[in-house]
Amino acid sequence: MGLESDSVLVVLIDNYVGAVLLDEDENETCVVRAVEHDERKETKYYEVTCVRAEQGVSGSWAVPPSSFVTSSDVAEDILMLGYALMDMAAPGGPVLLYGVGDMVSAHSAREAAL
């Protein structure tokens, strides 16, 4: 199935790619680089793939250049983190999981407090 035929994936990409999130449990700030489909046994889901970010002198968050494979925009595998975003196998249809949205909100709240 191509991207243009997966309207759910298109919406998730529009809503999450580029978002900054705060994983308070791991004390990590990350930037969402991709939304991907994955399957494990009977479980089908979308997940966000993130890379740890650093705050620059201007206060904005970005993936540091040292996180990328030389001369590319591909992040080093070891630096990527995945978070489940949507359960596609849930009874009654796809279910958006709240963890990623909560982490995006946690980052926004932290920024607003500063």
PDB file of N, CA and C in Angstrom:
ATOM      1  N   MET A   1       0.849  -1.176   0.000  1.00  0.00           N
ATOM      2  CA  MET A   1       0.000   0.000   0.000  1.00  0.00           C
ATOM      3  C   MET A   1       0.892   1.236   0.000  1.00  0.00           C
ATOM      4  N   GLY A   2       0.667   2.144  -0.916  1.00  0.00           N
ATOM      5  CA  GLY A   2       1.437   3.369  -1.011  1.00  0.00           C
ATOM      6  C   GLY A   2       0.972   4.394   0.004  1.00  0.00           C
ATOM      7  N   LEU A   3       1.829   5.345   0.272  1.00  0.00           N
ATOM      8  CA  LEU A   3       1.513   6.389   1.241  1.00  0.00           C
ATOM      9  C   LEU A   3       0.222   7.113   0.893  1.00  0.00           C
ATOM     10  N   GLU A   4       0.041   7.451  -0.374  1.00  0.00           N
ATOM     11  CA  GLU A   4      -1.142   8.218  -0.761  1.00  0.00           C
ATOM     12  C   GLU A   4      -2.434   7.429  -0.558  1.00  0.00           C
ATOM     13  N   SER A   5      -2.360   6.086  -0.478  1.00  0.00           N
ATOM     14  CA  SER A   5      -3.567   5.292  -0.281  1.00  0.00           C
ATOM     15  C   SER A   5      -3.817   4.997   1.198  1.00  0.00           C
ATOM     16  N   ASP A   6      -2.943   5.425   2.074  1.00  0.00           N
ATOM     17  CA  ASP A   6      -3.111   5.204   3.514  1.00  0.00           C
ATOM     18  C   ASP A   6      -3.393   6.551   4.173  1.00  0.00           C
ATOM     19  N   SER A   7      -4.670   6.914   4.185  1.00  0.00           N
ATOM     20  CA  SER A   7      -5.051   8.232   4.697  1.00  0.00           C
ATOM     21  C   SER A   7      -4.730   8.387   6.180  1.00  0.00           C
ATOM     22  N   VAL A   8      -4.777   7.308   6.945  1.00  0.00           N
ATOM     23  CA  VAL A   8      -4.433   7.384   8.373  1.00  0.00           C
ATOM     24  C   VAL A   8      -2.958   7.747   8.522  1.00  0.00           C
ATOM     25  N   LEU A   9      -2.107   7.080   7.768  1.00  0.00           N
ATOM     26  CA  LEU A   9      -0.675   7.367   7.849  1.00  0.00           C
ATOM     27  C   LEU A   9      -0.370   8.796   7.425  1.00  0.00           C
ATOM     28  N   VAL A  10      -1.024   9.279   6.389  1.00  0.00           N
ATOM     29  CA  VAL A  10      -0.811  10.657   5.933  1.00  0.00           C
ATOM     30  C   VAL A  10      -1.129  11.640   7.060  1.00  0.00           C
ATOM     31  N   VAL A  11      -2.234  11.435   7.752  1.00  0.00           N
ATOM     32  CA  VAL A  11      -2.618  12.325   8.859  1.00  0.00           C
ATOM     33  C   VAL A  11      -1.608  12.224   9.996  1.00  0.00           C
ATOM     34  N   LEU A  12      -1.182  11.017  10.337  1.00  0.00           N
ATOM     35  CA  LEU A  12      -0.207  10.851  11.422  1.00  0.00           C
ATOM     36  C   LEU A  12       1.115  11.530  11.080  1.00  0.00           C
ATOM     37  N   ILE A  13       1.565  11.395   9.840  1.00  0.00           N
ATOM     38  CA  ILE A  13       2.800  12.060   9.410  1.00  0.00           C
ATOM     39  C   ILE A  13       2.640  13.572   9.520  1.00  0.00           C
ATOM     40  N   ASP A  14       1.532  14.095   9.030  1.00  0.00           N
ATOM     41  CA  ASP A  14       1.292  15.546   9.098  1.00  0.00           C
ATOM     42  C   ASP A  14       1.279  16.047  10.538  1.00  0.00           C
ATOM     43  N   ASN A  15       0.729  15.246  11.443  1.00  0.00           N
ATOM     44  CA  ASN A  15       0.568  15.682  12.833  1.00  0.00           C
ATOM     45  C   ASN A  15       1.810  15.489  13.697  1.00  0.00           C
ATOM     46  N   TYR A  16       2.659  14.527  13.353  1.00  0.00           N
ATOM     47  CA  TYR A  16       3.741  14.182  14.279  1.00  0.00           C
ATOM     48  C   TYR A  16       5.158  14.394  13.761  1.00  0.00           C
ATOM     49  N   VAL A  17       5.424  14.244  12.485  1.00  0.00           N
ATOM     50  CA  VAL A  17       6.807  14.400  12.005  1.00  0.00           C
ATOM     51  C   VAL A  17       7.255  15.842  12.243  1.00  0.00           C
ATOM     52  N   GLY A  18       8.383  15.970  12.902  1.00  0.00           N
ATOM     53  CA  GLY A  18       8.916  17.285  13.258  1.00  0.00           C
ATOM     54  C   GLY A  18       8.537  17.729  14.661  1.00  0.00           C
ATOM     55  N   ALA A  19       7.589  17.015  15.284  1.00  0.00           N
ATOM     56  CA  ALA A  19       7.179  17.371  16.654  1.00  0.00           C
ATOM     57  C   ALA A  19       8.311  17.065  17.627  1.00  0.00           C
ATOM     58  N   VAL A  20       8.386  17.862  18.670  1.00  0.00           N
ATOM     59  CA  VAL A  20       9.358  17.644  19.736  1.00  0.00           C
ATOM     60  C   VAL A  20       8.598  17.054  20.910  1.00  0.00           C
ATOM     61  N   LEU A  21       9.170  16.011  21.504  1.00  0.00           N
ATOM     62  CA  LEU A  21       8.509  15.392  22.650  1.00  0.00           C
ATOM     63  C   LEU A  21       9.475  15.239  23.804  1.00  0.00           C
ATOM     64  N   LEU A  22       8.913  15.176  24.992  1.00  0.00           N
ATOM     65  CA  LEU A  22       9.693  15.006  26.221  1.00  0.00           C
ATOM     66  C   LEU A  22       9.295  13.690  26.857  1.00  0.00           C
ATOM     67  N   ASP A  23      10.244  12.761  26.908  1.00  0.00           N
ATOM     68  CA  ASP A  23      10.036  11.500  27.613  1.00  0.00           C
ATOM     69  C   ASP A  23      10.534  11.723  29.032  1.00  0.00           C
ATOM     70  N   GLU A  24       9.599  12.054  29.919  1.00  0.00           N
ATOM     71  CA  GLU A  24       9.986  12.390  31.288  1.00  0.00           C
ATOM     72  C   GLU A  24      10.578  11.199  32.029  1.00  0.00           C
ATOM     73  N   ASP A  25      10.147   9.980  31.698  1.00  0.00           N
ATOM     74  CA  ASP A  25      10.693   8.785  32.361  1.00  0.00           C
ATOM     75  C   ASP A  25      12.178   8.614  32.054  1.00  0.00           C
ATOM     76  N   GLU A  26      12.564   8.919  30.833  1.00  0.00           N
ATOM     77  CA  GLU A  26      13.962   8.767  30.412  1.00  0.00           C
ATOM     78  C   GLU A  26      14.722  10.086  30.448  1.00  0.00           C
ATOM     79  N   ASN A  27      14.038  11.181  30.768  1.00  0.00           N
ATOM     80  CA  ASN A  27      14.616  12.525  30.755  1.00  0.00           C
ATOM     81  C   ASN A  27      15.285  12.811  29.411  1.00  0.00           C
ATOM     82  N   GLU A  28      14.552  12.498  28.339  1.00  0.00           N
ATOM     83  CA  GLU A  28      15.048  12.685  26.981  1.00  0.00           C
ATOM     84  C   GLU A  28      14.105  13.597  26.202  1.00  0.00           C
ATOM     85  N   THR A  29      14.669  14.500  25.424  1.00  0.00           N
ATOM     86  CA  THR A  29      13.905  15.304  24.476  1.00  0.00           C
ATOM     87  C   THR A  29      14.261  14.784  23.094  1.00  0.00           C
ATOM     88  N   CYS A  30      13.231  14.537  22.288  1.00  0.00           N
ATOM     89  CA  CYS A  30      13.433  13.929  20.974  1.00  0.00           C
ATOM     90  C   CYS A  30      12.628  14.671  19.922  1.00  0.00           C
ATOM     91  N   VAL A  31      13.076  14.544  18.689  1.00  0.00           N
ATOM     92  CA  VAL A  31      12.344  15.063  17.539  1.00  0.00           C
ATOM     93  C   VAL A  31      11.835  13.866  16.747  1.00  0.00           C
ATOM     94  N   VAL A  32      10.559  13.902  16.388  1.00  0.00           N
ATOM     95  CA  VAL A  32       9.975  12.826  15.587  1.00  0.00           C
ATOM     96  C   VAL A  32      10.476  12.974  14.149  1.00  0.00           C
ATOM     97  N   ARG A  33      11.106  11.919  13.638  1.00  0.00           N
ATOM     98  CA  ARG A  33      11.651  11.923  12.279  1.00  0.00           C
ATOM     99  C   ARG A  33      10.772  11.169  11.295  1.00  0.00           C
ATOM    100  N   ALA A  34       9.971  10.193  11.801  1.00  0.00           N
ATOM    101  CA  ALA A  34       9.152   9.384  10.899  1.00  0.00           C
ATOM    102  C   ALA A  34       8.007   8.742  11.659  1.00  0.00           C
ATOM    103  N   VAL A  35       6.969   8.389  10.913  1.00  0.00           N
ATOM    104  CA  VAL A  35       5.892   7.541  11.418  1.00  0.00           C
ATOM    105  C   VAL A  35       5.926   6.299  10.540  1.00  0.00           C
ATOM    106  N   GLU A  36       5.967   5.140  11.182  1.00  0.00           N
ATOM    107  CA  GLU A  36       6.127   3.900  10.439  1.00  0.00           C
ATOM    108  C   GLU A  36       5.145   2.843  10.919  1.00  0.00           C
ATOM    109  N   HIS A  37       4.797   1.953  10.013  1.00  0.00           N
ATOM    110  CA  HIS A  37       3.933   0.826  10.324  1.00  0.00           C
ATOM    111  C   HIS A  37       4.812  -0.340  10.746  1.00  0.00           C
ATOM    112  N   ASP A  38       4.371  -1.081  11.757  1.00  0.00           N
ATOM    113  CA  ASP A  38       5.108  -2.263  12.181  1.00  0.00           C
ATOM    114  C   ASP A  38       4.113  -3.337  12.588  1.00  0.00           C
ATOM    115  N   GLU A  39       4.552  -4.564  12.536  1.00  0.00           N
ATOM    116  CA  GLU A  39       3.731  -5.695  12.937  1.00  0.00           C
ATOM    117  C   GLU A  39       4.591  -6.654  13.728  1.00  0.00           C
ATOM    118  N   ARG A  40       4.026  -7.164  14.796  1.00  0.00           N
ATOM    119  CA  ARG A  40       4.682  -8.206  15.587  1.00  0.00           C
ATOM    120  C   ARG A  40       3.597  -9.197  15.976  1.00  0.00           C
ATOM    121  N   LYS A  41       3.691 -10.379  15.394  1.00  0.00           N
ATOM    122  CA  LYS A  41       2.680 -11.429  15.555  1.00  0.00           C
ATOM    123  C   LYS A  41       1.326 -10.873  15.139  1.00  0.00           C
ATOM    124  N   GLU A  42       0.339 -10.879  16.008  1.00  0.00           N
ATOM    125  CA  GLU A  42      -0.985 -10.356  15.651  1.00  0.00           C
ATOM    126  C   GLU A  42      -1.124  -8.864  15.899  1.00  0.00           C
ATOM    127  N   THR A  43      -0.082  -8.235  16.409  1.00  0.00           N
ATOM    128  CA  THR A  43      -0.131  -6.819  16.733  1.00  0.00           C
ATOM    129  C   THR A  43       0.309  -5.995  15.528  1.00  0.00           C
ATOM    130  N   LYS A  44      -0.539  -5.053  15.141  1.00  0.00           N
ATOM    131  CA  LYS A  44      -0.217  -4.126  14.055  1.00  0.00           C
ATOM    132  C   LYS A  44      -0.339  -2.718  14.623  1.00  0.00           C
ATOM    133  N   TYR A  45       0.641  -1.902  14.343  1.00  0.00           N
ATOM    134  CA  TYR A  45       0.619  -0.566  14.920  1.00  0.00           C
ATOM    135  C   TYR A  45       1.469   0.397  14.100  1.00  0.00           C
ATOM    136  N   TYR A  46       1.220   1.679  14.363  1.00  0.00           N
ATOM    137  CA  TYR A  46       2.096   2.724  13.864  1.00  0.00           C
ATOM    138  C   TYR A  46       2.933   3.191  15.040  1.00  0.00           C
ATOM    139  N   GLU A  47       4.159   3.540  14.750  1.00  0.00           N
ATOM    140  CA  GLU A  47       5.019   4.096  15.780  1.00  0.00           C
ATOM    141  C   GLU A  47       5.737   5.312  15.242  1.00  0.00           C
ATOM    142  N   VAL A  48       6.115   6.190  16.157  1.00  0.00           N
ATOM    143  CA  VAL A  48       6.954   7.313  15.770  1.00  0.00           C
ATOM    144  C   VAL A  48       8.396   6.892  16.008  1.00  0.00           C
ATOM    145  N   THR A  49       9.256   7.269  15.083  1.00  0.00           N
ATOM    146  CA  THR A  49      10.687   7.048  15.241  1.00  0.00           C
ATOM    147  C   THR A  49      11.302   8.410  15.514  1.00  0.00           C
ATOM    148  N   CYS A  50      12.009   8.488  16.621  1.00  0.00           N
ATOM    149  CA  CYS A  50      12.543   9.761  17.100  1.00  0.00           C
ATOM    150  C   CYS A  50      14.058   9.674  17.246  1.00  0.00           C
ATOM    151  N   VAL A  51      14.672  10.846  17.290  1.00  0.00           N
ATOM    152  CA  VAL A  51      16.099  10.959  17.557  1.00  0.00           C
ATOM    153  C   VAL A  51      16.254  11.994  18.669  1.00  0.00           C
ATOM    154  N   ARG A  52      17.143  11.696  19.580  1.00  0.00           N
ATOM    155  CA  ARG A  52      17.403  12.623  20.685  1.00  0.00           C
ATOM    156  C   ARG A  52      17.788  13.995  20.147  1.00  0.00           C
ATOM    157  N   ALA A  53      17.292  15.018  20.817  1.00  0.00           N
ATOM    158  CA  ALA A  53      17.538  16.398  20.390  1.00  0.00           C
ATOM    159  C   ALA A  53      18.295  17.148  21.473  1.00  0.00           C
ATOM    160  N   GLU A  54      18.916  18.216  21.043  1.00  0.00           N
ATOM    161  CA  GLU A  54      19.603  19.116  21.973  1.00  0.00           C
ATOM    162  C   GLU A  54      19.063  20.513  21.767  1.00  0.00           C
ATOM    163  N   GLN A  55      19.063  21.291  22.841  1.00  0.00           N
ATOM    164  CA  GLN A  55      18.585  22.664  22.762  1.00  0.00           C
ATOM    165  C   GLN A  55      19.739  23.563  22.335  1.00  0.00           C
ATOM    166  N   GLY A  56      19.501  24.331  21.288  1.00  0.00           N
ATOM    167  CA  GLY A  56      20.510  25.253  20.783  1.00  0.00           C
ATOM    168  C   GLY A  56      20.520  26.554  21.564  1.00  0.00           C
ATOM    169  N   VAL A  57      21.449  27.415  21.238  1.00  0.00           N
ATOM    170  CA  VAL A  57      21.584  28.693  21.934  1.00  0.00           C
ATOM    171  C   VAL A  57      20.351  29.573  21.742  1.00  0.00           C
ATOM    172  N   SER A  58      19.639  29.378  20.637  1.00  0.00           N
ATOM    173  CA  SER A  58      18.425  30.160  20.394  1.00  0.00           C
ATOM    174  C   SER A  58      17.232  29.631  21.187  1.00  0.00           C
ATOM    175  N   GLY A  59      17.416  28.457  21.828  1.00  0.00           N
ATOM    176  CA  GLY A  59      16.345  27.868  22.608  1.00  0.00           C
ATOM    177  C   GLY A  59      15.540  26.821  21.859  1.00  0.00           C
ATOM    178  N   SER A  60      15.776  26.693  20.555  1.00  0.00           N
ATOM    179  CA  SER A  60      15.040  25.691  19.777  1.00  0.00           C
ATOM    180  C   SER A  60      15.707  24.324  19.937  1.00  0.00           C
ATOM    181  N   TRP A  61      14.919  23.278  19.716  1.00  0.00           N
ATOM    182  CA  TRP A  61      15.397  21.914  19.843  1.00  0.00           C
ATOM    183  C   TRP A  61      15.639  21.320  18.464  1.00  0.00           C
ATOM    184  N   ALA A  62      16.759  20.631  18.295  1.00  0.00           N
ATOM    185  CA  ALA A  62      17.077  20.011  17.013  1.00  0.00           C
ATOM    186  C   ALA A  62      17.987  18.811  17.239  1.00  0.00           C
ATOM    187  N   VAL A  63      18.002  17.946  16.255  1.00  0.00           N
ATOM    188  CA  VAL A  63      18.915  16.805  16.275  1.00  0.00           C
ATOM    189  C   VAL A  63      20.297  17.337  15.938  1.00  0.00           C
ATOM    190  N   PRO A  64      21.297  17.069  16.786  1.00  0.00           N
ATOM    191  CA  PRO A  64      22.637  17.591  16.507  1.00  0.00           C
ATOM    192  C   PRO A  64      23.257  16.916  15.278  1.00  0.00           C
ATOM    193  N   PRO A  65      24.072  17.650  14.533  1.00  0.00           N
ATOM    194  CA  PRO A  65      24.711  17.092  13.331  1.00  0.00           C
ATOM    195  C   PRO A  65      25.484  15.799  13.600  1.00  0.00           C
ATOM    196  N   SER A  66      26.014  15.645  14.793  1.00  0.00           N
ATOM    197  CA  SER A  66      26.796  14.444  15.127  1.00  0.00           C
ATOM    198  C   SER A  66      25.927  13.180  15.187  1.00  0.00           C
ATOM    199  N   SER A  67      24.611  13.344  15.156  1.00  0.00           N
ATOM    200  CA  SER A  67      23.707  12.194  15.223  1.00  0.00           C
ATOM    201  C   SER A  67      23.453  11.554  13.864  1.00  0.00           C
ATOM    202  N   PHE A  68      23.928  12.192  12.803  1.00  0.00           N
ATOM    203  CA  PHE A  68      23.656  11.706  11.458  1.00  0.00           C
ATOM    204  C   PHE A  68      24.843  10.949  10.875  1.00  0.00           C
ATOM    205  N   VAL A  69      24.529   9.998  10.007  1.00  0.00           N
ATOM    206  CA  VAL A  69      25.551   9.307   9.245  1.00  0.00           C
ATOM    207  C   VAL A  69      26.250  10.371   8.396  1.00  0.00           C
ATOM    208  N   THR A  70      27.546  10.295   8.287  1.00  0.00           N
ATOM    209  CA  THR A  70      28.340  11.299   7.580  1.00  0.00           C
ATOM    210  C   THR A  70      27.738  11.654   6.221  1.00  0.00           C
ATOM    211  N   SER A  71      27.620  12.950   5.986  1.00  0.00           N
ATOM    212  CA  SER A  71      27.138  13.500   4.711  1.00  0.00           C
ATOM    213  C   SER A  71      25.739  13.019   4.326  1.00  0.00           C
ATOM    214  N   SER A  72      24.854  12.878   5.321  1.00  0.00           N
ATOM    215  CA  SER A  72      23.483  12.465   5.007  1.00  0.00           C
ATOM    216  C   SER A  72      22.522  13.047   6.041  1.00  0.00           C
ATOM    217  N   ASP A  73      21.229  12.828   5.791  1.00  0.00           N
ATOM    218  CA  ASP A  73      20.223  13.235   6.771  1.00  0.00           C
ATOM    219  C   ASP A  73      19.631  12.010   7.460  1.00  0.00           C
ATOM    220  N   VAL A  74      20.378  10.902   7.441  1.00  0.00           N
ATOM    221  CA  VAL A  74      19.965   9.653   8.081  1.00  0.00           C
ATOM    222  C   VAL A  74      20.604   9.586   9.460  1.00  0.00           C
ATOM    223  N   ALA A  75      19.763   9.414  10.473  1.00  0.00           N
ATOM    224  CA  ALA A  75      20.266   9.343  11.844  1.00  0.00           C
ATOM    225  C   ALA A  75      20.904   7.980  12.102  1.00  0.00           C
ATOM    226  N   GLU A  76      21.886   7.974  12.954  1.00  0.00           N
ATOM    227  CA  GLU A  76      22.537   6.729  13.375  1.00  0.00           C
ATOM    228  C   GLU A  76      21.495   5.836  14.052  1.00  0.00           C
ATOM    229  N   ASP A  77      21.444   4.562  13.677  1.00  0.00           N
ATOM    230  CA  ASP A  77      20.462   3.627  14.232  1.00  0.00           C
ATOM    231  C   ASP A  77      20.471   3.592  15.752  1.00  0.00           C
ATOM    232  N   ILE A  78      21.635   3.612  16.333  1.00  0.00           N
ATOM    233  CA  ILE A  78      21.760   3.481  17.783  1.00  0.00           C
ATOM    234  C   ILE A  78      21.113   4.649  18.531  1.00  0.00           C
ATOM    235  N   LEU A  79      20.909   5.760  17.859  1.00  0.00           N
ATOM    236  CA  LEU A  79      20.348   6.948  18.498  1.00  0.00           C
ATOM    237  C   LEU A  79      18.834   7.057  18.355  1.00  0.00           C
ATOM    238  N   MET A  80      18.229   6.169  17.587  1.00  0.00           N
ATOM    239  CA  MET A  80      16.791   6.252  17.340  1.00  0.00           C
ATOM    240  C   MET A  80      15.994   5.578  18.448  1.00  0.00           C
ATOM    241  N   LEU A  81      14.856   6.178  18.731  1.00  0.00           N
ATOM    242  CA  LEU A  81      13.918   5.649  19.720  1.00  0.00           C
ATOM    243  C   LEU A  81      12.561   5.478  19.047  1.00  0.00           C
ATOM    244  N   GLY A  82      11.837   4.437  19.420  1.00  0.00           N
ATOM    245  CA  GLY A  82      10.504   4.229  18.869  1.00  0.00           C
ATOM    246  C   GLY A  82       9.462   4.240  19.958  1.00  0.00           C
ATOM    247  N   TYR A  83       8.334   4.859  19.673  1.00  0.00           N
ATOM    248  CA  TYR A  83       7.210   4.904  20.602  1.00  0.00           C
ATOM    249  C   TYR A  83       5.942   4.522  19.850  1.00  0.00           C
ATOM    250  N   ALA A  84       5.182   3.593  20.420  1.00  0.00           N
ATOM    251  CA  ALA A  84       3.919   3.189  19.802  1.00  0.00           C
ATOM    252  C   ALA A  84       2.980   4.381  19.745  1.00  0.00           C
ATOM    253  N   LEU A  85       2.319   4.550  18.607  1.00  0.00           N
ATOM    254  CA  LEU A  85       1.449   5.696  18.388  1.00  0.00           C
ATOM    255  C   LEU A  85      -0.008   5.295  18.205  1.00  0.00           C
ATOM    256  N   MET A  86      -0.258   4.245  17.409  1.00  0.00           N
ATOM    257  CA  MET A  86      -1.635   3.853  17.116  1.00  0.00           C
ATOM    258  C   MET A  86      -1.710   2.344  17.000  1.00  0.00           C
ATOM    259  N   ASP A  87      -2.673   1.747  17.702  1.00  0.00           N
ATOM    260  CA  ASP A  87      -2.925   0.315  17.628  1.00  0.00           C
ATOM    261  C   ASP A  87      -3.888   0.061  16.478  1.00  0.00           C
ATOM    262  N   MET A  88      -3.389  -0.602  15.445  1.00  0.00           N
ATOM    263  CA  MET A  88      -4.208  -0.862  14.261  1.00  0.00           C
ATOM    264  C   MET A  88      -5.044  -2.128  14.392  1.00  0.00           C
ATOM    265  N   ALA A  89      -4.749  -2.978  15.378  1.00  0.00           N
ATOM    266  CA  ALA A  89      -5.452  -4.243  15.546  1.00  0.00           C
ATOM    267  C   ALA A  89      -6.482  -4.198  16.669  1.00  0.00           C
ATOM    268  N   ALA A  90      -6.729  -3.027  17.219  1.00  0.00           N
ATOM    269  CA  ALA A  90      -7.676  -2.905  18.333  1.00  0.00           C
ATOM    270  C   ALA A  90      -9.088  -3.227  17.863  1.00  0.00           C
ATOM    271  N   PRO A  91      -9.850  -3.915  18.697  1.00  0.00           N
ATOM    272  CA  PRO A  91     -11.245  -4.166  18.342  1.00  0.00           C
ATOM    273  C   PRO A  91     -11.974  -2.844  18.117  1.00  0.00           C
ATOM    274  N   GLY A  92     -12.761  -2.785  17.069  1.00  0.00           N
ATOM    275  CA  GLY A  92     -13.509  -1.559  16.771  1.00  0.00           C
ATOM    276  C   GLY A  92     -12.749  -0.568  15.912  1.00  0.00           C
ATOM    277  N   GLY A  93     -11.545  -0.920  15.497  1.00  0.00           N
ATOM    278  CA  GLY A  93     -10.802  -0.023  14.615  1.00  0.00           C
ATOM    279  C   GLY A  93      -9.554   0.521  15.244  1.00  0.00           C
ATOM    280  N   PRO A  94      -8.810   1.318  14.506  1.00  0.00           N
ATOM    281  CA  PRO A  94      -7.553   1.878  15.026  1.00  0.00           C
ATOM    282  C   PRO A  94      -7.793   2.733  16.267  1.00  0.00           C
ATOM    283  N   VAL A  95      -6.862   2.622  17.216  1.00  0.00           N
ATOM    284  CA  VAL A  95      -6.953   3.389  18.460  1.00  0.00           C
ATOM    285  C   VAL A  95      -5.671   4.184  18.634  1.00  0.00           C
ATOM    286  N   LEU A  96      -5.801   5.500  18.720  1.00  0.00           N
ATOM    287  CA  LEU A  96      -4.653   6.362  18.967  1.00  0.00           C
ATOM    288  C   LEU A  96      -4.240   6.200  20.421  1.00  0.00           C
ATOM    289  N   LEU A  97      -2.986   5.872  20.642  1.00  0.00           N
ATOM    290  CA  LEU A  97      -2.467   5.720  22.001  1.00  0.00           C
ATOM    291  C   LEU A  97      -2.028   7.087  22.504  1.00  0.00           C
ATOM    292  N   TYR A  98      -2.177   7.326  23.782  1.00  0.00           N
ATOM    293  CA  TYR A  98      -1.966   8.672  24.307  1.00  0.00           C
ATOM    294  C   TYR A  98      -0.530   8.998  24.676  1.00  0.00           C
ATOM    295  N   GLY A  99       0.350   8.017  24.747  1.00  0.00           N
ATOM    296  CA  GLY A  99       1.712   8.269  25.197  1.00  0.00           C
ATOM    297  C   GLY A  99       2.449   9.332  24.409  1.00  0.00           C
ATOM    298  N   VAL A 100       2.448   9.241  23.092  1.00  0.00           N
ATOM    299  CA  VAL A 100       3.189  10.198  22.265  1.00  0.00           C
ATOM    300  C   VAL A 100       2.571  11.587  22.386  1.00  0.00           C
ATOM    301  N   GLY A 101       1.260  11.676  22.299  1.00  0.00           N
ATOM    302  CA  GLY A 101       0.591  12.971  22.450  1.00  0.00           C
ATOM    303  C   GLY A 101       0.882  13.596  23.802  1.00  0.00           C
ATOM    304  N   ASP A 102       0.913  12.759  24.851  1.00  0.00           N
ATOM    305  CA  ASP A 102       1.237  13.258  26.184  1.00  0.00           C
ATOM    306  C   ASP A 102       2.671  13.784  26.249  1.00  0.00           C
ATOM    307  N   MET A 103       3.593  13.111  25.557  1.00  0.00           N
ATOM    308  CA  MET A 103       4.986  13.557  25.573  1.00  0.00           C
ATOM    309  C   MET A 103       5.164  14.855  24.783  1.00  0.00           C
ATOM    310  N   VAL A 104       4.409  15.019  23.701  1.00  0.00           N
ATOM    311  CA  VAL A 104       4.439  16.280  22.947  1.00  0.00           C
ATOM    312  C   VAL A 104       3.888  17.399  23.832  1.00  0.00           C
ATOM    313  N   SER A 105       2.793  17.111  24.537  1.00  0.00           N
ATOM    314  CA  SER A 105       2.213  18.102  25.452  1.00  0.00           C
ATOM    315  C   SER A 105       3.157  18.425  26.598  1.00  0.00           C
ATOM    316  N   ALA A 106       3.868  17.422  27.112  1.00  0.00           N
ATOM    317  CA  ALA A 106       4.828  17.653  28.199  1.00  0.00           C
ATOM    318  C   ALA A 106       5.940  18.593  27.740  1.00  0.00           C
ATOM    319  N   HIS A 107       6.402  18.413  26.511  1.00  0.00           N
ATOM    320  CA  HIS A 107       7.428  19.319  25.981  1.00  0.00           C
ATOM    321  C   HIS A 107       6.867  20.740  25.864  1.00  0.00           C
ATOM    322  N   SER A 108       5.660  20.857  25.323  1.00  0.00           N
ATOM    323  CA  SER A 108       5.038  22.188  25.169  1.00  0.00           C
ATOM    324  C   SER A 108       4.859  22.860  26.518  1.00  0.00           C
ATOM    325  N   ALA A 109       4.436  22.099  27.523  1.00  0.00           N
ATOM    326  CA  ALA A 109       4.241  22.650  28.863  1.00  0.00           C
ATOM    327  C   ALA A 109       5.571  23.108  29.465  1.00  0.00           C
ATOM    328  N   ARG A 110       6.615  22.326  29.261  1.00  0.00           N
ATOM    329  CA  ARG A 110       7.939  22.709  29.766  1.00  0.00           C
ATOM    330  C   ARG A 110       8.396  24.011  29.102  1.00  0.00           C
ATOM    331  N   GLU A 111       8.207  24.123  27.794  1.00  0.00           N
ATOM    332  CA  GLU A 111       8.621  25.317  27.070  1.00  0.00           C
ATOM    333  C   GLU A 111       7.825  26.528  27.530  1.00  0.00           C
ATOM    334  N   ALA A 112       6.523  26.357  27.760  1.00  0.00           N
ATOM    335  CA  ALA A 112       5.677  27.463  28.208  1.00  0.00           C
ATOM    336  C   ALA A 112       6.081  27.932  29.606  1.00  0.00           C
ATOM    337  N   ALA A 113       6.527  26.993  30.439  1.00  0.00           N
ATOM    338  CA  ALA A 113       6.943  27.346  31.810  1.00  0.00           C
ATOM    339  C   ALA A 113       8.235  28.135  31.843  1.00  0.00           C
ATOM    340  N   LEU A 114       9.045  27.986  30.786  1.00  0.00           N
ATOM    341  CA  LEU A 114      10.326  28.714  30.725  1.00  0.00           C
ATOM    342  C   LEU A 114      10.051  30.079  30.224  1.00  0.00           C
TER     343      LEU A 114
END
